[in-house]
Amino acid sequence: MSGSDATESLAERLRPLALVAVGGFAGAALRYAVSVALPGGFPWGTLAVNVAGSFALGVLFYEARLVGRLGPRMRLLLGTGFLSSFTTYSAFAVETAALSPGLAVANVGANYALGFAAVLAGRAVVRTASEEVAG
């Protein structure tokens, strides 16, 4: 293997890491912006990013299953990079533990119910769009 082949191979191997890093940076920055923009007293920011991220992940997942136009690199950037940093289970757990028992139950219920509903909404959007494209 020549030196340029080894360099090219190393660059090719590092490309997925770079995609995840770039997506992760953008997702984490946007999550922070959402949490700062929404009012305090209840973890609205975490709820908002988890629901929005569930919708987007539903779209991404069902796009791969039903349409398949996005390539593996784009899915790596958006799914593993962006959405894994945009959504947050750890903040959800810590913020829930800090709430009163009644609000904690409401937060858990809202995150799970709205998150599942958002995934189903993402699936419905992809199905409708793919049916319209197919004619």
Foldseek 3Di string as FASTA:
>chain_A
DDPVVVVVVVVVVCLLVVLQAVQQVQLQVVLVVQQVPDDDPASPSQLVLLLVLLLVVLLVVLCCVQPNPDDPSVCSNNPNRNSVNNHDPVVLVVRLVPDDPVSSVVSVCSSVVSSVVSSVVSNVVNVVVSVVVVD
